[in-house]
Structure formats: C-alpha cells, structure tokens
Amino acid sequence: MQIRRIPKSLALSLVVMIAMGAQYFDLAIRFGAHPWWATQVLWLGVLLGICAGALGRYLSSSPMKPFTICLVVIGIAVLSTAFGKQGFATSFGDNKVAGQFWYFGWIMTCTSITAALILLPFPLQKKSK
C-alpha cells in the first residue's frame, strides 16, 4: 500500500470550507475559546497553518512525518488551552500568563489542525490485474 498526500488545491479548499463552517457554527466558542477572540484565533490559526502545512509539504518527502508532528502539537496545544482557561477562570481574570496560554493555545490548536489537514495522507490501493 502506497501513502500519498491529498492534492494541494483540494487541501486548501477543504481547509477554507472547514474554517468557514467552524466560524458559522461558532465551534471555537463551543469548544472553550473566549467569545471575544474566537474568530480572531480561528482565522489567525488558519493563516499560520496554511504556511506551516505548505512548509511541511515542501521540506519533507515523507507524508507521515509532518502529519504525525502536527498530531502531537494538537495534543500539546489542547492541553495548554485547557490549563490556561482553567487558570484564568480560577483567578477571576487576574492571571495574565494563564490568559496568554489560553489565547495562544487556541491559535496553536487552529494552526496545527489546519496544517494537519493540509498534510493529510491517504493510502492508495494498488490495482490488481
């Protein structure tokens, strides 16, 4: 079985459609982003993720390595966001560092999800005769 990446134009259109749907349905807010910054972190993350995904496509010949790195970064970013939100809420908005972890964690989450979508590998079946 051979593993390849999805075409660039399909990856970019997929990312834009998912981001527009996420903004329309307020997915960032529903998953815990601050309502004031939800749209900002979404689109900033998408722009940075497109750059990171394009760089990953350009620098790596293997489709699995950068995709796996993106999955690890998604996990780290989600943990950072959760701990930042909890610390910020517990301090009643006084803990600036926790607020920054919450904000930048959301940007990193959106960035790494976008990059993972651009680097998405899919297996190709060999045709049998």
C-alpha atoms as a PDB file:
ATOM      1  CA  MET A   1       0.000   0.000   0.000  1.00  0.00           C
ATOM      2  CA  GLN A   2       1.335   3.376  -1.019  1.00  0.00           C
ATOM      3  CA  ILE A   3       0.667   6.538   1.010  1.00  0.00           C
ATOM      4  CA  ARG A   4       0.353   9.926  -0.693  1.00  0.00           C
ATOM      5  CA  ARG A   5      -0.896  13.372   0.191  1.00  0.00           C
ATOM      6  CA  ILE A   6      -4.136  14.888  -0.994  1.00  0.00           C
ATOM      7  CA  PRO A   7      -3.709  17.424  -3.837  1.00  0.00           C
ATOM      8  CA  LYS A   8      -2.824  20.993  -2.809  1.00  0.00           C
ATOM      9  CA  SER A   9      -5.937  22.614  -4.247  1.00  0.00           C
ATOM     10  CA  LEU A  10      -8.210  20.087  -2.554  1.00  0.00           C
ATOM     11  CA  ALA A  11      -6.388  20.552   0.759  1.00  0.00           C
ATOM     12  CA  LEU A  12      -6.679  24.332   0.588  1.00  0.00           C
ATOM     13  CA  SER A  13     -10.358  24.295  -0.331  1.00  0.00           C
ATOM     14  CA  LEU A  14     -11.018  21.733   2.421  1.00  0.00           C
ATOM     15  CA  VAL A  15      -9.305  23.950   4.991  1.00  0.00           C
ATOM     16  CA  VAL A  16     -11.203  27.076   3.937  1.00  0.00           C
ATOM     17  CA  MET A  17     -14.570  25.285   3.935  1.00  0.00           C
ATOM     18  CA  ILE A  18     -13.946  23.767   7.374  1.00  0.00           C
ATOM     19  CA  ALA A  19     -12.811  27.142   8.762  1.00  0.00           C
ATOM     20  CA  MET A  20     -15.873  28.907   7.371  1.00  0.00           C
ATOM     21  CA  GLY A  21     -18.107  26.200   8.847  1.00  0.00           C
ATOM     22  CA  ALA A  22     -16.319  26.464  12.187  1.00  0.00           C
ATOM     23  CA  GLN A  23     -16.888  30.212  12.232  1.00  0.00           C
ATOM     24  CA  TYR A  24     -20.527  29.918  11.170  1.00  0.00           C
ATOM     25  CA  PHE A  25     -21.353  27.336  13.843  1.00  0.00           C
ATOM     26  CA  ASP A  26     -19.149  29.021  16.496  1.00  0.00           C
ATOM     27  CA  LEU A  27     -17.198  25.816  17.074  1.00  0.00           C
ATOM     28  CA  ALA A  28     -14.312  27.594  18.778  1.00  0.00           C
ATOM     29  CA  ILE A  29     -16.682  29.101  21.341  1.00  0.00           C
ATOM     30  CA  ARG A  30     -18.449  25.779  21.852  1.00  0.00           C
ATOM     31  CA  PHE A  31     -15.110  24.067  22.496  1.00  0.00           C
ATOM     32  CA  GLY A  32     -13.977  26.655  25.027  1.00  0.00           C
ATOM     33  CA  ALA A  33     -12.481  29.671  23.287  1.00  0.00           C
ATOM     34  CA  HIS A  34     -13.229  33.094  24.688  1.00  0.00           C
ATOM     35  CA  PRO A  35     -16.183  34.568  22.759  1.00  0.00           C
ATOM     36  CA  TRP A  36     -14.366  37.861  22.275  1.00  0.00           C
ATOM     37  CA  TRP A  37     -11.382  36.272  20.485  1.00  0.00           C
ATOM     38  CA  ALA A  38     -12.897  33.159  18.892  1.00  0.00           C
ATOM     39  CA  THR A  39     -12.998  34.462  15.313  1.00  0.00           C
ATOM     40  CA  GLN A  40      -9.586  36.069  15.613  1.00  0.00           C
ATOM     41  CA  VAL A  41      -7.830  32.921  16.844  1.00  0.00           C
ATOM     42  CA  LEU A  42      -9.605  30.815  14.224  1.00  0.00           C
ATOM     43  CA  TRP A  43      -8.514  32.840  11.200  1.00  0.00           C
ATOM     44  CA  LEU A  44      -5.058  33.634  12.542  1.00  0.00           C
ATOM     45  CA  GLY A  45      -4.561  29.920  13.156  1.00  0.00           C
ATOM     46  CA  VAL A  46      -5.793  29.085   9.654  1.00  0.00           C
ATOM     47  CA  LEU A  47      -3.359  31.534   8.042  1.00  0.00           C
ATOM     48  CA  LEU A  48      -0.423  30.265  10.091  1.00  0.00           C
ATOM     49  CA  GLY A  49      -1.489  26.662   9.494  1.00  0.00           C
ATOM     50  CA  ILE A  50      -1.554  27.136   5.731  1.00  0.00           C
ATOM     51  CA  CYS A  51       2.014  28.453   5.899  1.00  0.00           C
ATOM     52  CA  ALA A  52       3.130  25.613   8.184  1.00  0.00           C
ATOM     53  CA  GLY A  53       1.410  22.988   6.029  1.00  0.00           C
ATOM     54  CA  ALA A  54       2.960  24.352   2.847  1.00  0.00           C
ATOM     55  CA  LEU A  55       6.368  24.342   4.516  1.00  0.00           C
ATOM     56  CA  GLY A  56       5.847  20.757   5.686  1.00  0.00           C
ATOM     57  CA  ARG A  57       4.873  19.690   2.162  1.00  0.00           C
ATOM     58  CA  TYR A  58       7.914  21.410   0.711  1.00  0.00           C
ATOM     59  CA  LEU A  59      10.532  20.199   3.193  1.00  0.00           C
ATOM     60  CA  SER A  60       9.511  16.593   3.734  1.00  0.00           C
ATOM     61  CA  SER A  61       9.264  13.860   1.161  1.00  0.00           C
ATOM     62  CA  SER A  62       7.507  11.512   3.577  1.00  0.00           C
ATOM     63  CA  PRO A  63       3.822  12.320   4.077  1.00  0.00           C
ATOM     64  CA  MET A  64       3.619  10.730   7.533  1.00  0.00           C
ATOM     65  CA  LYS A  65       6.370  12.554   9.468  1.00  0.00           C
ATOM     66  CA  PRO A  66       4.981  16.124   9.365  1.00  0.00           C
ATOM     67  CA  PHE A  67       1.431  14.840   9.825  1.00  0.00           C
ATOM     68  CA  THR A  68       2.465  12.952  12.962  1.00  0.00           C
ATOM     69  CA  ILE A  69       4.223  16.047  14.301  1.00  0.00           C
ATOM     70  CA  CYS A  70       1.007  18.025  13.740  1.00  0.00           C
ATOM     71  CA  LEU A  71      -0.982  15.475  15.727  1.00  0.00           C
ATOM     72  CA  VAL A  72       1.451  15.728  18.646  1.00  0.00           C
ATOM     73  CA  VAL A  73       1.310  19.536  18.537  1.00  0.00           C
ATOM     74  CA  ILE A  74      -2.515  19.394  18.521  1.00  0.00           C
ATOM     75  CA  GLY A  75      -2.401  17.415  21.777  1.00  0.00           C
ATOM     76  CA  ILE A  76       0.056  19.824  23.399  1.00  0.00           C
ATOM     77  CA  ALA A  77      -1.936  22.854  22.247  1.00  0.00           C
ATOM     78  CA  VAL A  78      -5.216  21.447  23.560  1.00  0.00           C
ATOM     79  CA  LEU A  79      -3.622  20.784  26.970  1.00  0.00           C
ATOM     80  CA  SER A  80      -2.186  24.297  27.013  1.00  0.00           C
ATOM     81  CA  THR A  81      -5.582  25.749  26.207  1.00  0.00           C
ATOM     82  CA  ALA A  82      -7.348  23.738  28.880  1.00  0.00           C
ATOM     83  CA  PHE A  83      -4.868  24.610  31.627  1.00  0.00           C
ATOM     84  CA  GLY A  84      -4.768  28.264  30.542  1.00  0.00           C
ATOM     85  CA  LYS A  85      -8.542  28.580  30.596  1.00  0.00           C
ATOM     86  CA  GLN A  86      -8.784  26.889  33.984  1.00  0.00           C
ATOM     87  CA  GLY A  87      -6.074  29.104  35.488  1.00  0.00           C
ATOM     88  CA  PHE A  88      -7.549  32.266  34.019  1.00  0.00           C
ATOM     89  CA  ALA A  89     -11.055  31.462  35.216  1.00  0.00           C
ATOM     90  CA  THR A  90      -9.877  30.455  38.687  1.00  0.00           C
ATOM     91  CA  SER A  91      -8.041  33.745  39.124  1.00  0.00           C
ATOM     92  CA  PHE A  92     -11.115  35.718  38.002  1.00  0.00           C
ATOM     93  CA  GLY A  93      -9.142  37.175  35.092  1.00  0.00           C
ATOM     94  CA  ASP A  94      -6.133  38.340  37.109  1.00  0.00           C
ATOM     95  CA  ASN A  95      -3.640  35.713  35.892  1.00  0.00           C
ATOM     96  CA  LYS A  96      -2.227  37.199  32.677  1.00  0.00           C
ATOM     97  CA  VAL A  97       0.053  34.252  31.944  1.00  0.00           C
ATOM     98  CA  ALA A  98      -2.850  31.799  32.108  1.00  0.00           C
ATOM     99  CA  GLY A  99      -4.850  34.054  29.798  1.00  0.00           C
ATOM    100  CA  GLN A 100      -1.981  34.095  27.317  1.00  0.00           C
ATOM    101  CA  PHE A 101      -1.721  30.303  27.471  1.00  0.00           C
ATOM    102  CA  TRP A 102      -5.445  30.156  26.738  1.00  0.00           C
ATOM    103  CA  TYR A 103      -5.233  32.635  23.834  1.00  0.00           C
ATOM    104  CA  PHE A 104      -2.043  31.373  22.201  1.00  0.00           C
ATOM    105  CA  GLY A 105      -3.054  27.772  22.868  1.00  0.00           C
ATOM    106  CA  TRP A 106      -6.147  28.337  20.756  1.00  0.00           C
ATOM    107  CA  ILE A 107      -4.079  29.899  17.975  1.00  0.00           C
ATOM    108  CA  MET A 108      -1.729  26.900  18.074  1.00  0.00           C
ATOM    109  CA  THR A 109      -4.645  24.473  18.094  1.00  0.00           C
ATOM    110  CA  CYS A 110      -6.156  26.068  14.985  1.00  0.00           C
ATOM    111  CA  THR A 111      -2.723  26.282  13.343  1.00  0.00           C
ATOM    112  CA  SER A 112      -1.861  22.636  13.906  1.00  0.00           C
ATOM    113  CA  ILE A 113      -5.310  21.381  12.859  1.00  0.00           C
ATOM    114  CA  THR A 114      -5.025  23.394   9.633  1.00  0.00           C
ATOM    115  CA  ALA A 115      -1.507  22.123   8.960  1.00  0.00           C
ATOM    116  CA  ALA A 116      -2.628  18.549   9.650  1.00  0.00           C
ATOM    117  CA  LEU A 117      -5.467  18.926   7.144  1.00  0.00           C
ATOM    118  CA  ILE A 118      -3.058  20.226   4.515  1.00  0.00           C
ATOM    119  CA  LEU A 119      -0.603  17.392   5.204  1.00  0.00           C
ATOM    120  CA  LEU A 120      -3.351  14.766   5.371  1.00  0.00           C
ATOM    121  CA  PRO A 121      -2.074  11.454   3.957  1.00  0.00           C
ATOM    122  CA  PHE A 122      -4.305   8.869   2.383  1.00  0.00           C
ATOM    123  CA  PRO A 123      -3.483   5.301   1.371  1.00  0.00           C
ATOM    124  CA  LEU A 124      -3.698   4.245  -2.245  1.00  0.00           C
ATOM    125  CA  GLN A 125      -4.630   0.701  -3.073  1.00  0.00           C
ATOM    126  CA  LYS A 126      -2.635  -0.957  -5.813  1.00  0.00           C
ATOM    127  CA  LYS A 127      -4.884  -2.157  -8.579  1.00  0.00           C
ATOM    128  CA  SER A 128      -4.817  -5.872  -9.054  1.00  0.00           C
ATOM    129  CA  LYS A 129      -4.883  -7.309 -12.563  1.00  0.00           C
END
